[in-house]
PDB file of N, CA and C in Angstrom:
ATOM      1  N   MET A   1      69.088 119.203 -16.447  1.00  0.00           N
ATOM      2  CA  MET A   1      68.154 120.187 -15.781  1.00  0.00           C
ATOM      3  C   MET A   1      68.181 120.352 -14.896  1.00  0.00           C
ATOM      4  N   PRO A   2      68.236 121.608 -13.785  1.00  0.00           N
ATOM      5  CA  PRO A   2      68.594 122.198 -12.534  1.00  0.00           C
ATOM      6  C   PRO A   2      67.391 121.315 -11.531  1.00  0.00           C
ATOM      7  N   LEU A   3      68.111 121.718 -10.745  1.00  0.00           N
ATOM      8  CA  LEU A   3      67.302 121.032  -9.762  1.00  0.00           C
ATOM      9  C   LEU A   3      66.006 121.899  -8.984  1.00  0.00           C
ATOM     10  N   PRO A   4      64.728 121.378  -8.697  1.00  0.00           N
ATOM     11  CA  PRO A   4      64.014 122.767  -8.516  1.00  0.00           C
ATOM     12  C   PRO A   4      64.368 123.335  -7.228  1.00  0.00           C
ATOM     13  N   LEU A   5      63.720 124.694  -6.762  1.00  0.00           N
ATOM     14  CA  LEU A   5      64.405 125.429  -5.787  1.00  0.00           C
ATOM     15  C   LEU A   5      63.311 125.124  -4.394  1.00  0.00           C
ATOM     16  N   LEU A   6      63.642 124.396  -3.296  1.00  0.00           N
ATOM     17  CA  LEU A   6      63.077 124.340  -2.317  1.00  0.00           C
ATOM     18  C   LEU A   6      63.507 125.387  -1.211  1.00  0.00           C
ATOM     19  N   ARG A   7      62.436 125.878  -0.614  1.00  0.00           N
ATOM     20  CA  ARG A   7      62.451 126.615   0.706  1.00  0.00           C
ATOM     21  C   ARG A   7      62.036 125.706   2.012  1.00  0.00           C
ATOM     22  N   ALA A   8      63.125 125.992   3.227  1.00  0.00           N
ATOM     23  CA  ALA A   8      63.062 124.942   4.205  1.00  0.00           C
ATOM     24  C   ALA A   8      62.432 126.132   5.410  1.00  0.00           C
ATOM     25  N   TYR A   9      61.567 125.863   6.164  1.00  0.00           N
ATOM     26  CA  TYR A   9      61.146 126.733   7.188  1.00  0.00           C
ATOM     27  C   TYR A   9      61.173 125.761   8.633  1.00  0.00           C
ATOM     28  N   ILE A  10      62.248 126.161   9.180  1.00  0.00           N
ATOM     29  CA  ILE A  10      62.433 125.383  10.296  1.00  0.00           C
ATOM     30  C   ILE A  10      61.801 126.151  11.728  1.00  0.00           C
ATOM     31  N   ASP A  11      61.396 125.395  12.935  1.00  0.00           N
ATOM     32  CA  ASP A  11      61.172 126.130  14.321  1.00  0.00           C
ATOM     33  C   ASP A  11      61.594 125.047  15.171  1.00  0.00           C
ATOM     34  N   GLU A  12      61.489 125.604  16.301  1.00  0.00           N
ATOM     35  CA  GLU A  12      62.209 124.774  17.437  1.00  0.00           C
ATOM     36  C   GLU A  12      60.999 125.180  18.676  1.00  0.00           C
ATOM     37  N   THR A  13      60.886 124.508  19.625  1.00  0.00           N
ATOM     38  CA  THR A  13      60.144 124.274  20.615  1.00  0.00           C
ATOM     39  C   THR A  13      60.684 123.965  21.991  1.00  0.00           C
ATOM     40  N   GLY A  14      60.385 124.239  22.831  1.00  0.00           N
ATOM     41  CA  GLY A  14      61.293 123.715  24.551  1.00  0.00           C
ATOM     42  C   GLY A  14      62.018 124.754  25.005  1.00  0.00           C
ATOM     43  N   ASP A  15      62.827 124.143  25.572  1.00  0.00           N
ATOM     44  CA  ASP A  15      63.985 124.948  26.412  1.00  0.00           C
ATOM     45  C   ASP A  15      65.009 123.930  26.895  1.00  0.00           C
ATOM     46  N   ARG A  16      65.803 124.017  26.204  1.00  0.00           N
ATOM     47  CA  ARG A  16      67.400 122.753  26.500  1.00  0.00           C
ATOM     48  C   ARG A  16      67.961 123.192  27.798  1.00  0.00           C
ATOM     49  N   GLY A  17      67.574 124.135  28.717  1.00  0.00           N
ATOM     50  CA  GLY A  17      68.173 124.620  29.834  1.00  0.00           C
ATOM     51  C   GLY A  17      68.062 123.449  30.739  1.00  0.00           C
ATOM     52  N   HIS A  18      68.404 123.664  32.302  1.00  0.00           N
ATOM     53  CA  HIS A  18      68.882 122.627  33.154  1.00  0.00           C
ATOM     54  C   HIS A  18      67.718 123.683  34.496  1.00  0.00           C
ATOM     55  N   SER A  19      67.061 124.303  34.295  1.00  0.00           N
ATOM     56  CA  SER A  19      66.980 124.849  35.677  1.00  0.00           C
ATOM     57  C   SER A  19      65.290 124.438  35.725  1.00  0.00           C
ATOM     58  N   GLY A  20      64.411 125.023  37.081  1.00  0.00           N
ATOM     59  CA  GLY A  20      63.299 124.680  36.963  1.00  0.00           C
ATOM     60  C   GLY A  20      62.320 125.044  35.948  1.00  0.00           C
ATOM     61  N   LYS A  21      62.834 126.037  35.089  1.00  0.00           N
ATOM     62  CA  LYS A  21      61.618 126.238  34.307  1.00  0.00           C
ATOM     63  C   LYS A  21      61.817 125.832  32.943  1.00  0.00           C
ATOM     64  N   SER A  22      62.699 125.030  32.900  1.00  0.00           N
ATOM     65  CA  SER A  22      63.084 124.549  31.541  1.00  0.00           C
ATOM     66  C   SER A  22      61.958 123.086  31.010  1.00  0.00           C
ATOM     67  N   SER A  23      61.816 123.407  29.983  1.00  0.00           N
ATOM     68  CA  SER A  23      60.659 122.175  29.709  1.00  0.00           C
ATOM     69  C   SER A  23      61.429 120.734  29.655  1.00  0.00           C
ATOM     70  N   ALA A  24      60.057 119.766  29.730  1.00  0.00           N
ATOM     71  CA  ALA A  24      60.759 118.529  29.935  1.00  0.00           C
ATOM     72  C   ALA A  24      61.121 117.915  28.266  1.00  0.00           C
ATOM     73  N   PHE A  25      61.102 118.773  27.141  1.00  0.00           N
ATOM     74  CA  PHE A  25      61.137 118.518  25.764  1.00  0.00           C
ATOM     75  C   PHE A  25      61.727 119.408  24.941  1.00  0.00           C
ATOM     76  N   PHE A  26      62.401 119.616  24.123  1.00  0.00           N
ATOM     77  CA  PHE A  26      62.857 120.110  23.210  1.00  0.00           C
ATOM     78  C   PHE A  26      62.837 119.414  21.556  1.00  0.00           C
ATOM     79  N   ALA A  27      62.067 120.078  20.754  1.00  0.00           N
ATOM     80  CA  ALA A  27      61.964 119.607  19.045  1.00  0.00           C
ATOM     81  C   ALA A  27      61.948 120.610  18.351  1.00  0.00           C
ATOM     82  N   PHE A  28      62.526 120.071  17.235  1.00  0.00           N
ATOM     83  CA  PHE A  28      62.488 120.778  15.784  1.00  0.00           C
ATOM     84  C   PHE A  28      61.262 120.468  14.776  1.00  0.00           C
ATOM     85  N   ALA A  29      60.901 121.211  13.998  1.00  0.00           N
ATOM     86  CA  ALA A  29      59.576 121.060  13.059  1.00  0.00           C
ATOM     87  C   ALA A  29      60.386 121.780  11.653  1.00  0.00           C
ATOM     88  N   ALA A  30      59.839 121.116  10.420  1.00  0.00           N
ATOM     89  CA  ALA A  30      60.501 121.800   9.476  1.00  0.00           C
ATOM     90  C   ALA A  30      59.097 121.402   8.176  1.00  0.00           C
ATOM     91  N   VAL A  31      59.180 122.386   7.086  1.00  0.00           N
ATOM     92  CA  VAL A  31      58.311 122.335   6.252  1.00  0.00           C
ATOM     93  C   VAL A  31      59.237 122.688   5.145  1.00  0.00           C
ATOM     94  N   LEU A  32      59.342 121.617   3.860  1.00  0.00           N
ATOM     95  CA  LEU A  32      59.763 122.018   2.862  1.00  0.00           C
ATOM     96  C   LEU A  32      58.537 122.470   1.547  1.00  0.00           C
ATOM     97  N   VAL A  33      58.833 123.830   1.294  1.00  0.00           N
ATOM     98  CA  VAL A  33      57.999 124.263   0.224  1.00  0.00           C
ATOM     99  C   VAL A  33      58.720 124.623  -0.939  1.00  0.00           C
ATOM    100  N   ALA A  34      58.098 124.220  -2.140  1.00  0.00           N
ATOM    101  CA  ALA A  34      58.513 124.596  -3.674  1.00  0.00           C
ATOM    102  C   ALA A  34      58.209 125.613  -3.956  1.00  0.00           C
ATOM    103  N   ASP A  35      59.355 126.337  -4.569  1.00  0.00           N
ATOM    104  CA  ASP A  35      59.224 127.346  -4.938  1.00  0.00           C
ATOM    105  C   ASP A  35      57.693 128.002  -5.782  1.00  0.00           C
ATOM    106  N   GLU A  36      57.425 126.917  -6.197  1.00  0.00           N
ATOM    107  CA  GLU A  36      56.393 127.492  -7.211  1.00  0.00           C
ATOM    108  C   GLU A  36      54.990 127.319  -6.175  1.00  0.00           C
ATOM    109  N   ASP A  37      54.976 126.681  -4.795  1.00  0.00           N
ATOM    110  CA  ASP A  37      54.072 126.790  -4.033  1.00  0.00           C
ATOM    111  C   ASP A  37      54.254 127.772  -2.897  1.00  0.00           C
ATOM    112  N   GLU A  38      54.942 128.678  -2.806  1.00  0.00           N
ATOM    113  CA  GLU A  38      55.175 129.790  -2.149  1.00  0.00           C
ATOM    114  C   GLU A  38      54.097 130.802  -1.446  1.00  0.00           C
ATOM    115  N   GLY A  39      53.425 130.900  -2.851  1.00  0.00           N
ATOM    116  CA  GLY A  39      52.272 131.928  -2.661  1.00  0.00           C
ATOM    117  C   GLY A  39      51.180 131.232  -1.893  1.00  0.00           C
ATOM    118  N   ASP A  40      50.940 130.147  -2.309  1.00  0.00           N
ATOM    119  CA  ASP A  40      49.894 129.101  -1.451  1.00  0.00           C
ATOM    120  C   ASP A  40      50.065 129.029   0.123  1.00  0.00           C
ATOM    121  N   LEU A  41      51.537 128.889   0.550  1.00  0.00           N
ATOM    122  CA  LEU A  41      51.642 128.642   1.974  1.00  0.00           C
ATOM    123  C   LEU A  41      51.429 129.881   2.472  1.00  0.00           C
ATOM    124  N   ARG A  42      51.899 131.409   1.853  1.00  0.00           N
ATOM    125  CA  ARG A  42      51.806 132.749   2.348  1.00  0.00           C
ATOM    126  C   ARG A  42      50.295 133.083   2.702  1.00  0.00           C
ATOM    127  N   ALA A  43      49.488 132.178   1.362  1.00  0.00           N
ATOM    128  CA  ALA A  43      47.971 132.703   1.740  1.00  0.00           C
ATOM    129  C   ALA A  43      47.544 131.900   2.980  1.00  0.00           C
ATOM    130  N   ALA A  44      48.069 131.220   2.823  1.00  0.00           N
ATOM    131  CA  ALA A  44      47.222 129.890   4.198  1.00  0.00           C
ATOM    132  C   ALA A  44      47.754 130.504   5.438  1.00  0.00           C
ATOM    133  N   MET A  45      49.085 130.820   5.601  1.00  0.00           N
ATOM    134  CA  MET A  45      49.284 131.422   6.523  1.00  0.00           C
ATOM    135  C   MET A  45      48.782 133.017   7.336  1.00  0.00           C
ATOM    136  N   SER A  46      48.419 133.782   5.988  1.00  0.00           N
ATOM    137  CA  SER A  46      47.526 134.981   5.933  1.00  0.00           C
ATOM    138  C   SER A  46      46.134 134.291   6.862  1.00  0.00           C
ATOM    139  N   LYS A  47      45.686 133.611   6.186  1.00  0.00           N
ATOM    140  CA  LYS A  47      44.229 133.128   6.836  1.00  0.00           C
ATOM    141  C   LYS A  47      44.350 132.648   7.980  1.00  0.00           C
ATOM    142  N   LEU A  48      45.454 131.564   8.499  1.00  0.00           N
ATOM    143  CA  LEU A  48      45.504 131.494   9.936  1.00  0.00           C
ATOM    144  C   LEU A  48      45.844 132.118  10.950  1.00  0.00           C
ATOM    145  N   ARG A  49      46.710 133.517  10.763  1.00  0.00           N
ATOM    146  CA  ARG A  49      46.653 134.508  11.541  1.00  0.00           C
ATOM    147  C   ARG A  49      45.438 135.384  11.497  1.00  0.00           C
ATOM    148  N   ARG A  50      44.690 135.561  10.404  1.00  0.00           N
ATOM    149  CA  ARG A  50      43.287 136.156  10.401  1.00  0.00           C
ATOM    150  C   ARG A  50      42.441 135.483  11.747  1.00  0.00           C
ATOM    151  N   ASN A  51      42.127 134.008  11.344  1.00  0.00           N
ATOM    152  CA  ASN A  51      41.597 133.209  12.286  1.00  0.00           C
ATOM    153  C   ASN A  51      41.858 133.191  13.489  1.00  0.00           C
ATOM    154  N   LEU A  52      43.340 133.465  13.946  1.00  0.00           N
ATOM    155  CA  LEU A  52      43.337 133.774  15.108  1.00  0.00           C
ATOM    156  C   LEU A  52      43.674 134.332  15.874  1.00  0.00           C
ATOM    157  N   SER A  53      43.464 135.659  14.729  1.00  0.00           N
ATOM    158  CA  SER A  53      43.534 137.185  15.192  1.00  0.00           C
ATOM    159  C   SER A  53      45.117 137.533  15.651  1.00  0.00           C
ATOM    160  N   VAL A  54      45.982 136.955  15.164  1.00  0.00           N
ATOM    161  CA  VAL A  54      47.474 137.560  15.183  1.00  0.00           C
ATOM    162  C   VAL A  54      47.944 138.320  14.354  1.00  0.00           C
ATOM    163  N   PRO A  55      48.121 139.772  14.410  1.00  0.00           N
ATOM    164  CA  PRO A  55      48.408 140.834  13.495  1.00  0.00           C
ATOM    165  C   PRO A  55      49.904 140.493  12.639  1.00  0.00           C
ATOM    166  N   ALA A  56      49.560 140.562  11.343  1.00  0.00           N
ATOM    167  CA  ALA A  56      50.933 140.222  10.378  1.00  0.00           C
ATOM    168  C   ALA A  56      52.112 140.915  11.201  1.00  0.00           C
ATOM    169  N   ALA A  57      52.323 141.732  11.999  1.00  0.00           N
ATOM    170  CA  ALA A  57      53.885 142.247  12.411  1.00  0.00           C
ATOM    171  C   ALA A  57      54.211 141.214  13.710  1.00  0.00           C
ATOM    172  N   ARG A  58      53.617 140.646  14.041  1.00  0.00           N
ATOM    173  CA  ARG A  58      53.364 139.768  15.409  1.00  0.00           C
ATOM    174  C   ARG A  58      54.059 138.634  15.498  1.00  0.00           C
ATOM    175  N   HIS A  59      55.060 138.240  15.807  1.00  0.00           N
ATOM    176  CA  HIS A  59      55.304 136.649  16.158  1.00  0.00           C
ATOM    177  C   HIS A  59      54.186 135.689  16.267  1.00  0.00           C
ATOM    178  N   CYS A  60      54.079 134.480  15.624  1.00  0.00           N
ATOM    179  CA  CYS A  60      53.087 133.877  15.536  1.00  0.00           C
ATOM    180  C   CYS A  60      53.619 132.489  16.441  1.00  0.00           C
ATOM    181  N   THR A  61      52.950 132.490  18.081  1.00  0.00           N
ATOM    182  CA  THR A  61      53.612 131.410  18.720  1.00  0.00           C
ATOM    183  C   THR A  61      52.555 130.237  18.917  1.00  0.00           C
ATOM    184  N   GLY A  62      52.712 129.105  19.382  1.00  0.00           N
ATOM    185  CA  GLY A  62      51.750 128.548  19.978  1.00  0.00           C
ATOM    186  C   GLY A  62      51.210 128.868  21.333  1.00  0.00           C
ATOM    187  N   THR A  63      52.237 129.309  22.227  1.00  0.00           N
ATOM    188  CA  THR A  63      51.904 129.886  23.537  1.00  0.00           C
ATOM    189  C   THR A  63      50.834 131.081  23.412  1.00  0.00           C
ATOM    190  N   SER A  64      51.324 131.854  22.327  1.00  0.00           N
ATOM    191  CA  SER A  64      50.149 132.964  22.395  1.00  0.00           C
ATOM    192  C   SER A  64      49.069 132.883  21.793  1.00  0.00           C
ATOM    193  N   THR A  65      49.060 131.633  20.976  1.00  0.00           N
ATOM    194  CA  THR A  65      47.924 131.777  20.408  1.00  0.00           C
ATOM    195  C   THR A  65      46.662 130.362  20.734  1.00  0.00           C
ATOM    196  N   SER A  66      47.643 129.217  21.865  1.00  0.00           N
ATOM    197  CA  SER A  66      46.741 128.332  22.012  1.00  0.00           C
ATOM    198  C   SER A  66      45.603 128.277  23.005  1.00  0.00           C
ATOM    199  N   ARG A  67      45.550 129.738  23.657  1.00  0.00           N
ATOM    200  CA  ARG A  67      44.340 129.782  24.555  1.00  0.00           C
ATOM    201  C   ARG A  67      42.980 130.377  23.498  1.00  0.00           C
ATOM    202  N   ARG A  68      43.209 130.643  22.312  1.00  0.00           N
ATOM    203  CA  ARG A  68      42.240 131.221  21.660  1.00  0.00           C
ATOM    204  C   ARG A  68      41.961 130.073  20.291  1.00  0.00           C
ATOM    205  N   PHE A  69      42.654 129.101  20.565  1.00  0.00           N
ATOM    206  CA  PHE A  69      42.709 127.996  19.239  1.00  0.00           C
ATOM    207  C   PHE A  69      41.278 127.307  19.454  1.00  0.00           C
ATOM    208  N   ASN A  70      40.686 126.871  20.820  1.00  0.00           N
ATOM    209  CA  ASN A  70      39.458 126.155  20.431  1.00  0.00           C
ATOM    210  C   ASN A  70      38.380 126.585  20.001  1.00  0.00           C
ATOM    211  N   GLY A  71      37.886 126.021  18.812  1.00  0.00           N
ATOM    212  CA  GLY A  71      36.532 126.121  18.274  1.00  0.00           C
ATOM    213  C   GLY A  71      36.857 127.146  16.705  1.00  0.00           C
ATOM    214  N   VAL A  72      38.150 127.082  16.692  1.00  0.00           N
ATOM    215  CA  VAL A  72      38.550 128.460  15.698  1.00  0.00           C
ATOM    216  C   VAL A  72      38.388 127.209  14.050  1.00  0.00           C
ATOM    217  N   SER A  73      37.915 127.988  13.493  1.00  0.00           N
ATOM    218  CA  SER A  73      38.110 127.141  11.905  1.00  0.00           C
ATOM    219  C   SER A  73      39.275 127.528  11.126  1.00  0.00           C
ATOM    220  N   MET A  74      39.996 126.503  10.712  1.00  0.00           N
ATOM    221  CA  MET A  74      40.949 126.664  10.156  1.00  0.00           C
ATOM    222  C   MET A  74      40.660 126.545   8.471  1.00  0.00           C
TER     223      MET A  74
END
Protein backbone atom coordinates (compact mmCIF):
# COMPACT_ATOMS: atom_id res chain seq x y z
CA MET A 1 0.00 0.00 0.00
CA PRO A 2 1.43 3.43 -0.94
CA LEU A 3 2.09 5.97 1.78
CA PRO A 4 -0.39 8.87 1.98
CA LEU A 5 0.68 12.20 0.51
CA LEU A 6 1.25 14.86 3.18
CA ARG A 7 1.98 18.51 2.53
CA ALA A 8 4.16 20.43 4.96
CA TYR A 9 3.71 24.17 5.43
CA ILE A 10 6.60 25.68 7.39
CA ASP A 11 7.06 29.26 8.56
CA GLU A 12 9.48 31.12 10.79
CA THR A 13 9.22 34.17 12.98
CA GLY A 14 11.81 36.39 14.54
CA ASP A 15 15.26 37.53 13.54
CA ARG A 16 18.45 35.61 14.28
CA GLY A 17 20.60 38.72 13.85
CA HIS A 18 22.74 40.31 16.52
CA SER A 19 21.78 43.97 16.11
CA GLY A 20 19.55 46.11 18.29
CA LYS A 21 16.68 45.48 15.87
CA SER A 22 16.91 41.69 16.23
CA SER A 23 14.13 39.99 18.15
CA ALA A 24 14.73 38.04 21.34
CA PHE A 25 13.14 34.92 19.87
CA PHE A 26 13.38 32.88 16.69
CA ALA A 27 10.86 30.09 16.11
CA PHE A 28 9.54 27.70 13.47
CA ALA A 29 6.01 26.35 13.06
CA ALA A 30 4.80 23.60 10.78
CA VAL A 31 1.45 22.18 9.72
CA LEU A 32 1.09 18.79 8.05
CA VAL A 33 -1.98 18.40 5.85
CA ALA A 34 -3.15 15.21 4.20
CA ASP A 35 -3.62 15.63 0.46
CA GLU A 36 -7.36 14.92 0.73
CA ASP A 37 -7.70 17.77 3.28
CA GLU A 38 -5.94 20.39 1.15
CA GLY A 39 -9.26 21.87 -0.03
CA ASP A 40 -10.45 22.33 3.56
CA LEU A 41 -7.20 24.09 4.47
CA ARG A 42 -7.46 26.44 1.50
CA ALA A 43 -11.10 27.24 2.37
CA ALA A 44 -10.12 28.01 5.98
CA MET A 45 -7.27 30.27 4.81
CA SER A 46 -9.63 32.11 2.44
CA LYS A 47 -12.07 32.71 5.30
CA LEU A 48 -9.27 33.92 7.55
CA ARG A 49 -8.01 36.31 4.87
CA ARG A 50 -11.54 37.68 4.35
CA ASN A 51 -12.08 38.16 8.09
CA LEU A 52 -8.73 39.95 8.44
CA SER A 53 -9.16 41.94 5.18
CA VAL A 54 -5.98 40.54 3.64
CA PRO A 55 -6.14 40.40 -0.19
CA ALA A 56 -5.35 37.01 -1.75
CA ALA A 57 -2.26 38.37 -3.52
CA ARG A 58 -0.76 39.85 -0.34
CA HIS A 59 1.51 37.98 2.06
CA CYS A 60 -0.39 37.37 5.31
CA THR A 61 1.80 38.13 8.33
CA GLY A 62 1.13 38.40 12.04
CA THR A 63 2.68 41.85 12.10
CA SER A 64 0.40 43.19 9.37
CA THR A 65 -2.80 41.68 10.81
CA SER A 66 -2.34 41.74 14.61
CA ARG A 67 -3.50 45.35 14.91
CA ARG A 68 -6.87 44.36 13.41
CA PHE A 69 -7.18 41.01 15.18
CA ASN A 70 -9.12 42.03 18.33
CA GLY A 71 -12.81 41.29 17.96
CA VAL A 72 -12.52 39.40 14.68
CA SER A 73 -14.63 36.25 14.53
CA MET A 74 -12.74 33.30 13.07
